[in-house]
Amino acid sequence: LGERGHEFGTVTGRPRRCGWFDAVLVRQAAR
């Protein structure tokens, strides 16, 4: 996911940690 998604921070260049979709988190954010 990190390689294919080119997951590096725009500002820092730090590699992003990657994982599966978290529906609980996004539902909470939406509410």
PDB file of all heavy atoms in Angstrom:
ATOM      1  N   LEU A   1       0.831  -1.204   0.000  1.00  0.00           N
ATOM      2  CA  LEU A   1       0.000   0.000   0.000  1.00  0.00           C
ATOM      3  C   LEU A   1       0.866   1.256   0.000  1.00  0.00           C
ATOM      4  O   LEU A   1       0.586   2.211  -0.727  1.00  0.00           O
ATOM      5  CB  LEU A   1      -0.930   0.006   1.220  1.00  0.00           C
ATOM      6  CG  LEU A   1      -2.005  -1.079   1.289  1.00  0.00           C
ATOM      7  CD1 LEU A   1      -2.761  -1.007   2.621  1.00  0.00           C
ATOM      8  CD2 LEU A   1      -2.980  -0.972   0.124  1.00  0.00           C
ATOM      9  N   GLY A   2       1.928   1.232   0.796  1.00  0.00           N
ATOM     10  CA  GLY A   2       2.813   2.387   0.869  1.00  0.00           C
ATOM     11  C   GLY A   2       3.539   2.659  -0.432  1.00  0.00           C
ATOM     12  O   GLY A   2       3.646   3.806  -0.882  1.00  0.00           O
ATOM     13  N   GLU A   3       4.035   1.581  -1.062  1.00  0.00           N
ATOM     14  CA  GLU A   3       4.769   1.734  -2.313  1.00  0.00           C
ATOM     15  C   GLU A   3       3.845   2.143  -3.453  1.00  0.00           C
ATOM     16  O   GLU A   3       4.138   3.072  -4.200  1.00  0.00           O
ATOM     17  CB  GLU A   3       5.475   0.421  -2.658  1.00  0.00           C
ATOM     18  CG  GLU A   3       6.623   0.088  -1.699  1.00  0.00           C
ATOM     19  CD  GLU A   3       7.099  -1.341  -1.854  1.00  0.00           C
ATOM     20  OE1 GLU A   3       6.613  -2.039  -2.781  1.00  0.00           O
ATOM     21  OE2 GLU A   3       7.974  -1.777  -1.060  1.00  0.00           O
ATOM     22  N   ARG A   4       2.728   1.441  -3.558  1.00  0.00           N
ATOM     23  CA  ARG A   4       1.811   1.710  -4.659  1.00  0.00           C
ATOM     24  C   ARG A   4       1.136   3.076  -4.507  1.00  0.00           C
ATOM     25  O   ARG A   4       0.874   3.772  -5.489  1.00  0.00           O
ATOM     26  CB  ARG A   4       0.761   0.599  -4.723  1.00  0.00           C
ATOM     27  CG  ARG A   4       0.034   0.521  -6.024  1.00  0.00           C
ATOM     28  CD  ARG A   4      -1.010  -0.555  -5.973  1.00  0.00           C
ATOM     29  NE  ARG A   4      -0.460  -1.894  -6.216  1.00  0.00           N
ATOM     30  CZ  ARG A   4      -1.201  -2.995  -6.180  1.00  0.00           C
ATOM     31  NH1 ARG A   4      -2.482  -2.925  -5.867  1.00  0.00           N
ATOM     32  NH2 ARG A   4      -0.652  -4.162  -6.444  1.00  0.00           N
ATOM     33  N   GLY A   5       0.856   3.465  -3.275  1.00  0.00           N
ATOM     34  CA  GLY A   5       0.192   4.734  -3.022  1.00  0.00           C
ATOM     35  C   GLY A   5       1.137   5.907  -2.879  1.00  0.00           C
ATOM     36  O   GLY A   5       0.679   7.037  -2.645  1.00  0.00           O
ATOM     37  N   HIS A   6       2.459   5.656  -3.023  1.00  0.00           N
ATOM     38  CA  HIS A   6       3.470   6.717  -2.870  1.00  0.00           C
ATOM     39  C   HIS A   6       3.248   7.483  -1.560  1.00  0.00           C
ATOM     40  O   HIS A   6       3.117   8.709  -1.544  1.00  0.00           O
ATOM     41  CB  HIS A   6       3.445   7.682  -4.063  1.00  0.00           C
ATOM     42  CG  HIS A   6       3.594   7.016  -5.389  1.00  0.00           C
ATOM     43  ND1 HIS A   6       4.774   6.462  -5.805  1.00  0.00           N
ATOM     44  CD2 HIS A   6       2.687   6.784  -6.376  1.00  0.00           C
ATOM     45  CE1 HIS A   6       4.598   5.922  -7.018  1.00  0.00           C
ATOM     46  NE2 HIS A   6       3.354   6.104  -7.382  1.00  0.00           N
ATOM     47  N   GLU A   7       3.209   6.736  -0.484  1.00  0.00           N
ATOM     48  CA  GLU A   7       2.829   7.287   0.809  1.00  0.00           C
ATOM     49  C   GLU A   7       4.013   7.899   1.548  1.00  0.00           C
ATOM     50  O   GLU A   7       4.645   7.304   2.406  1.00  0.00           O
ATOM     51  CB  GLU A   7       2.131   6.206   1.652  1.00  0.00           C
ATOM     52  CG  GLU A   7       0.832   5.670   1.045  1.00  0.00           C
ATOM     53  CD  GLU A   7      -0.272   6.725   0.945  1.00  0.00           C
ATOM     54  OE1 GLU A   7      -0.075   7.852   1.452  1.00  0.00           O
ATOM     55  OE2 GLU A   7      -1.328   6.427   0.354  1.00  0.00           O
ATOM     56  N   PHE A   8       4.263   9.153   1.190  1.00  0.00           N
ATOM     57  CA  PHE A   8       5.266   9.959   1.859  1.00  0.00           C
ATOM     58  C   PHE A   8       4.675  11.325   2.129  1.00  0.00           C
ATOM     59  O   PHE A   8       3.969  11.887   1.286  1.00  0.00           O
ATOM     60  CB  PHE A   8       6.538  10.104   1.016  1.00  0.00           C
ATOM     61  CG  PHE A   8       7.237   8.793   0.751  1.00  0.00           C
ATOM     62  CD1 PHE A   8       6.928   8.056  -0.377  1.00  0.00           C
ATOM     63  CD2 PHE A   8       8.178   8.307   1.640  1.00  0.00           C
ATOM     64  CE1 PHE A   8       7.554   6.846  -0.621  1.00  0.00           C
ATOM     65  CE2 PHE A   8       8.808   7.091   1.408  1.00  0.00           C
ATOM     66  CZ  PHE A   8       8.501   6.364   0.278  1.00  0.00           C
ATOM     67  N   GLY A   9       4.915  11.905   3.316  1.00  0.00           N
ATOM     68  CA  GLY A   9       4.357  13.197   3.678  1.00  0.00           C
ATOM     69  C   GLY A   9       4.820  14.306   2.735  1.00  0.00           C
ATOM     70  O   GLY A   9       6.006  14.382   2.397  1.00  0.00           O
ATOM     71  N   THR A  10       3.889  15.158   2.282  1.00  0.00           N
ATOM     72  CA  THR A  10       4.219  16.250   1.369  1.00  0.00           C
ATOM     73  C   THR A  10       5.200  17.223   2.001  1.00  0.00           C
ATOM     74  O   THR A  10       6.127  17.708   1.353  1.00  0.00           O
ATOM     75  CB  THR A  10       2.934  17.004   0.951  1.00  0.00           C
ATOM     76  OG1 THR A  10       2.054  16.096   0.295  1.00  0.00           O
ATOM     77  CG2 THR A  10       3.258  18.152   0.002  1.00  0.00           C
ATOM     78  N   VAL A  11       5.016  17.522   3.271  1.00  0.00           N
ATOM     79  CA  VAL A  11       5.858  18.488   3.972  1.00  0.00           C
ATOM     80  C   VAL A  11       7.128  17.849   4.499  1.00  0.00           C
ATOM     81  O   VAL A  11       8.235  18.352   4.313  1.00  0.00           O
ATOM     82  CB  VAL A  11       5.080  19.159   5.131  1.00  0.00           C
ATOM     83  CG1 VAL A  11       6.020  19.931   6.050  1.00  0.00           C
ATOM     84  CG2 VAL A  11       4.010  20.086   4.581  1.00  0.00           C
ATOM     85  N   THR A  12       6.980  16.693   5.177  1.00  0.00           N
ATOM     86  CA  THR A  12       8.111  16.097   5.887  1.00  0.00           C
ATOM     87  C   THR A  12       8.898  15.086   5.081  1.00  0.00           C
ATOM     88  O   THR A  12      10.076  14.840   5.358  1.00  0.00           O
ATOM     89  CB  THR A  12       7.621  15.389   7.161  1.00  0.00           C
ATOM     90  OG1 THR A  12       6.755  14.297   6.780  1.00  0.00           O
ATOM     91  CG2 THR A  12       6.846  16.360   8.051  1.00  0.00           C
ATOM     92  N   GLY A  13       8.249  14.460   4.081  1.00  0.00           N
ATOM     93  CA  GLY A  13       8.883  13.377   3.357  1.00  0.00           C
ATOM     94  C   GLY A  13       8.921  12.070   4.121  1.00  0.00           C
ATOM     95  O   GLY A  13       9.450  11.062   3.646  1.00  0.00           O
ATOM     96  N   ARG A  14       8.338  12.072   5.338  1.00  0.00           N
ATOM     97  CA  ARG A  14       8.336  10.865   6.159  1.00  0.00           C
ATOM     98  C   ARG A  14       7.420   9.805   5.557  1.00  0.00           C
ATOM     99  O   ARG A  14       6.332  10.127   5.071  1.00  0.00           O
ATOM    100  CB  ARG A  14       7.860  11.181   7.586  1.00  0.00           C
ATOM    101  CG  ARG A  14       8.810  12.014   8.403  1.00  0.00           C
ATOM    102  CD  ARG A  14       8.274  12.252   9.811  1.00  0.00           C
ATOM    103  NE  ARG A  14       7.086  13.092   9.815  1.00  0.00           N
ATOM    104  CZ  ARG A  14       6.435  13.459  10.924  1.00  0.00           C
ATOM    105  NH1 ARG A  14       6.840  13.042  12.104  1.00  0.00           N
ATOM    106  NH2 ARG A  14       5.374  14.247  10.845  1.00  0.00           N
ATOM    107  N   PRO A  15       7.839   8.523   5.570  1.00  0.00           N
ATOM    108  CA  PRO A  15       6.942   7.474   5.085  1.00  0.00           C
ATOM    109  C   PRO A  15       5.713   7.374   5.974  1.00  0.00           C
ATOM    110  O   PRO A  15       5.797   7.480   7.189  1.00  0.00           O
ATOM    111  CB  PRO A  15       7.794   6.202   5.155  1.00  0.00           C
ATOM    112  CG  PRO A  15       8.895   6.511   6.089  1.00  0.00           C
ATOM    113  CD  PRO A  15       9.138   7.978   6.009  1.00  0.00           C
ATOM    114  N   ARG A  16       4.553   7.211   5.339  1.00  0.00           N
ATOM    115  CA  ARG A  16       3.313   7.072   6.094  1.00  0.00           C
ATOM    116  C   ARG A  16       3.096   5.628   6.523  1.00  0.00           C
ATOM    117  O   ARG A  16       3.404   4.700   5.776  1.00  0.00           O
ATOM    118  CB  ARG A  16       2.130   7.536   5.245  1.00  0.00           C
ATOM    119  CG  ARG A  16       2.187   9.003   4.879  1.00  0.00           C
ATOM    120  CD  ARG A  16       1.110   9.392   3.881  1.00  0.00           C
ATOM    121  NE  ARG A  16       1.266  10.782   3.462  1.00  0.00           N
ATOM    122  CZ  ARG A  16       1.034  11.216   2.235  1.00  0.00           C
ATOM    123  NH1 ARG A  16       0.663  10.374   1.293  1.00  0.00           N
ATOM    124  NH2 ARG A  16       1.219  12.493   1.943  1.00  0.00           N
ATOM    125  N   ARG A  17       2.579   5.463   7.722  1.00  0.00           N
ATOM    126  CA  ARG A  17       2.156   4.147   8.184  1.00  0.00           C
ATOM    127  C   ARG A  17       0.867   3.777   7.453  1.00  0.00           C
ATOM    128  O   ARG A  17      -0.004   4.628   7.259  1.00  0.00           O
ATOM    129  CB  ARG A  17       1.933   4.193   9.710  1.00  0.00           C
ATOM    130  CG  ARG A  17       3.163   4.621  10.473  1.00  0.00           C
ATOM    131  CD  ARG A  17       2.848   5.290  11.799  1.00  0.00           C
ATOM    132  NE  ARG A  17       2.157   4.426  12.725  1.00  0.00           N
ATOM    133  CZ  ARG A  17       1.612   4.828  13.865  1.00  0.00           C
ATOM    134  NH1 ARG A  17       1.645   6.119  14.217  1.00  0.00           N
ATOM    135  NH2 ARG A  17       0.994   3.973  14.653  1.00  0.00           N
ATOM    136  N   CYS A  18       0.710   2.522   7.045  1.00  0.00           N
ATOM    137  CA  CYS A  18      -0.425   2.118   6.217  1.00  0.00           C
ATOM    138  C   CYS A  18      -1.204   0.986   6.878  1.00  0.00           C
ATOM    139  O   CYS A  18      -0.627   0.141   7.574  1.00  0.00           O
ATOM    140  CB  CYS A  18       0.045   1.658   4.835  1.00  0.00           C
ATOM    141  SG  CYS A  18       0.879   2.948   3.873  1.00  0.00           S
ATOM    142  N   GLY A  19      -2.506   0.956   6.629  1.00  0.00           N
ATOM    143  CA  GLY A  19      -3.347  -0.105   7.171  1.00  0.00           C
ATOM    144  C   GLY A  19      -4.681  -0.188   6.453  1.00  0.00           C
ATOM    145  O   GLY A  19      -4.982   0.591   5.538  1.00  0.00           O
ATOM    146  N   TRP A  20      -5.503  -1.133   6.887  1.00  0.00           N
ATOM    147  CA  TRP A  20      -6.826  -1.337   6.286  1.00  0.00           C
ATOM    148  C   TRP A  20      -7.762  -0.167   6.623  1.00  0.00           C
ATOM    149  O   TRP A  20      -7.535   0.574   7.574  1.00  0.00           O
ATOM    150  CB  TRP A  20      -7.447  -2.640   6.799  1.00  0.00           C
ATOM    151  CG  TRP A  20      -6.743  -3.894   6.388  1.00  0.00           C
ATOM    152  CD1 TRP A  20      -6.147  -4.800   7.223  1.00  0.00           C
ATOM    153  CD2 TRP A  20      -6.563  -4.405   5.064  1.00  0.00           C
ATOM    154  NE1 TRP A  20      -5.608  -5.845   6.511  1.00  0.00           N
ATOM    155  CE2 TRP A  20      -5.855  -5.626   5.164  1.00  0.00           C
ATOM    156  CE3 TRP A  20      -6.932  -3.957   3.797  1.00  0.00           C
ATOM    157  CZ2 TRP A  20      -5.509  -6.395   4.071  1.00  0.00           C
ATOM    158  CZ3 TRP A  20      -6.581  -4.730   2.696  1.00  0.00           C
ATOM    159  CH2 TRP A  20      -5.875  -5.928   2.833  1.00  0.00           C
ATOM    160  N   PHE A  21      -8.809  -0.059   5.855  1.00  0.00           N
ATOM    161  CA  PHE A  21      -9.811   0.976   6.075  1.00  0.00           C
ATOM    162  C   PHE A  21     -10.462   0.787   7.443  1.00  0.00           C
ATOM    163  O   PHE A  21     -10.881  -0.318   7.801  1.00  0.00           O
ATOM    164  CB  PHE A  21     -10.875   0.929   4.976  1.00  0.00           C
ATOM    165  CG  PHE A  21     -11.844   2.083   5.017  1.00  0.00           C
ATOM    166  CD1 PHE A  21     -11.566   3.261   4.340  1.00  0.00           C
ATOM    167  CD2 PHE A  21     -13.027   2.004   5.733  1.00  0.00           C
ATOM    168  CE1 PHE A  21     -12.451   4.327   4.361  1.00  0.00           C
ATOM    169  CE2 PHE A  21     -13.923   3.066   5.772  1.00  0.00           C
ATOM    170  CZ  PHE A  21     -13.629   4.231   5.081  1.00  0.00           C
ATOM    171  N   ASP A  22     -10.572   1.879   8.195  1.00  0.00           N
ATOM    172  CA  ASP A  22     -11.177   1.854   9.525  1.00  0.00           C
ATOM    173  C   ASP A  22     -12.516   2.581   9.461  1.00  0.00           C
ATOM    174  O   ASP A  22     -12.585   3.806   9.541  1.00  0.00           O
ATOM    175  CB  ASP A  22     -10.239   2.526  10.535  1.00  0.00           C
ATOM    176  CG  ASP A  22     -10.672   2.300  11.981  1.00  0.00           C
ATOM    177  OD1 ASP A  22     -11.881   2.102  12.211  1.00  0.00           O
ATOM    178  OD2 ASP A  22      -9.809   2.336  12.888  1.00  0.00           O
ATOM    179  N   ALA A  23     -13.595   1.802   9.313  1.00  0.00           N
ATOM    180  CA  ALA A  23     -14.927   2.389   9.184  1.00  0.00           C
ATOM    181  C   ALA A  23     -15.402   3.020  10.492  1.00  0.00           C
ATOM    182  O   ALA A  23     -16.169   3.980  10.474  1.00  0.00           O
ATOM    183  CB  ALA A  23     -15.926   1.327   8.718  1.00  0.00           C
ATOM    184  N   VAL A  24     -14.944   2.499  11.624  1.00  0.00           N
ATOM    185  CA  VAL A  24     -15.329   3.061  12.921  1.00  0.00           C
ATOM    186  C   VAL A  24     -14.798   4.484  13.028  1.00  0.00           C
ATOM    187  O   VAL A  24     -15.510   5.416  13.429  1.00  0.00           O
ATOM    188  CB  VAL A  24     -14.775   2.196  14.075  1.00  0.00           C
ATOM    189  CG1 VAL A  24     -15.199   2.775  15.424  1.00  0.00           C
ATOM    190  CG2 VAL A  24     -15.227   0.755  13.936  1.00  0.00           C
ATOM    191  N   LEU A  25     -13.563   4.662  12.652  1.00  0.00           N
ATOM    192  CA  LEU A  25     -12.892   5.960  12.720  1.00  0.00           C
ATOM    193  C   LEU A  25     -13.581   6.984  11.823  1.00  0.00           C
ATOM    194  O   LEU A  25     -13.875   8.113  12.245  1.00  0.00           O
ATOM    195  CB  LEU A  25     -11.431   5.794  12.298  1.00  0.00           C
ATOM    196  CG  LEU A  25     -10.379   6.721  12.874  1.00  0.00           C
ATOM    197  CD1 LEU A  25     -10.147   6.418  14.340  1.00  0.00           C
ATOM    198  CD2 LEU A  25      -9.065   6.518  12.106  1.00  0.00           C
ATOM    199  N   VAL A  26     -13.846   6.597  10.582  1.00  0.00           N
ATOM    200  CA  VAL A  26     -14.434   7.525   9.622  1.00  0.00           C
ATOM    201  C   VAL A  26     -15.883   7.845   9.997  1.00  0.00           C
ATOM    202  O   VAL A  26     -16.325   8.984   9.847  1.00  0.00           O
ATOM    203  CB  VAL A  26     -14.329   6.960   8.191  1.00  0.00           C
ATOM    204  CG1 VAL A  26     -14.984   7.905   7.188  1.00  0.00           C
ATOM    205  CG2 VAL A  26     -12.867   6.731   7.804  1.00  0.00           C
ATOM    206  N   ARG A  27     -16.617   6.848  10.477  1.00  0.00           N
ATOM    207  CA  ARG A  27     -17.996   7.118  10.926  1.00  0.00           C
ATOM    208  C   ARG A  27     -18.013   8.138  12.063  1.00  0.00           C
ATOM    209  O   ARG A  27     -18.837   9.055  12.097  1.00  0.00           O
ATOM    210  CB  ARG A  27     -18.671   5.822  11.362  1.00  0.00           C
ATOM    211  CG  ARG A  27     -20.129   6.031  11.814  1.00  0.00           C
ATOM    212  CD  ARG A  27     -20.840   4.700  12.069  1.00  0.00           C
ATOM    213  NE  ARG A  27     -20.253   3.939  13.143  1.00  0.00           N
ATOM    214  CZ  ARG A  27     -19.686   2.745  12.989  1.00  0.00           C
ATOM    215  NH1 ARG A  27     -19.630   2.171  11.805  1.00  0.00           N
ATOM    216  NH2 ARG A  27     -19.185   2.115  14.030  1.00  0.00           N
ATOM    217  N   GLN A  28     -17.076   7.987  12.991  1.00  0.00           N
ATOM    218  CA  GLN A  28     -16.947   8.923  14.097  1.00  0.00           C
ATOM    219  C   GLN A  28     -16.623  10.334  13.579  1.00  0.00           C
ATOM    220  O   GLN A  28     -17.219  11.315  14.019  1.00  0.00           O
ATOM    221  CB  GLN A  28     -15.850   8.438  15.060  1.00  0.00           C
ATOM    222  CG  GLN A  28     -15.807   9.150  16.403  1.00  0.00           C
ATOM    223  CD  GLN A  28     -15.011   8.332  17.425  1.00  0.00           C
ATOM    224  OE1 GLN A  28     -15.090   7.113  17.455  1.00  0.00           O
ATOM    225  NE2 GLN A  28     -14.288   8.997  18.290  1.00  0.00           N
ATOM    226  N   ALA A  29     -15.704  10.414  12.633  1.00  0.00           N
ATOM    227  CA  ALA A  29     -15.333  11.699  12.040  1.00  0.00           C
ATOM    228  C   ALA A  29     -16.514  12.343  11.321  1.00  0.00           C
ATOM    229  O   ALA A  29     -16.721  13.556  11.403  1.00  0.00           O
ATOM    230  CB  ALA A  29     -14.170  11.509  11.068  1.00  0.00           C
ATOM    231  N   ALA A  30     -17.295  11.531  10.615  1.00  0.00           N
ATOM    232  CA  ALA A  30     -18.443  12.048   9.872  1.00  0.00           C
ATOM    233  C   ALA A  30     -19.491  12.632  10.811  1.00  0.00           C
ATOM    234  O   ALA A  30     -20.083  13.682  10.528  1.00  0.00           O
ATOM    235  CB  ALA A  30     -19.057  10.941   9.017  1.00  0.00           C
ATOM    236  N   ARG A  31     -19.699  11.969  11.950  1.00  0.00           N
ATOM    237  CA  ARG A  31     -20.703  12.451  12.892  1.00  0.00           C
ATOM    238  C   ARG A  31     -20.238  13.705  13.616  1.00  0.00           C
ATOM    239  O   ARG A  31     -20.998  14.675  13.740  1.00  0.00           O
ATOM    240  CB  ARG A  31     -21.041  11.345  13.903  1.00  0.00           C
ATOM    241  CG  ARG A  31     -21.790  10.173  13.287  1.00  0.00           C
ATOM    242  CD  ARG A  31     -22.219   9.176  14.336  1.00  0.00           C
ATOM    243  NE  ARG A  31     -22.939   8.047  13.762  1.00  0.00           N
ATOM    244  CZ  ARG A  31     -23.478   7.057  14.471  1.00  0.00           C
ATOM    245  NH1 ARG A  31     -23.353   7.059  15.799  1.00  0.00           N
ATOM    246  NH2 ARG A  31     -24.107   6.066  13.870  1.00  0.00           N
TER     247      ARG A  31
END
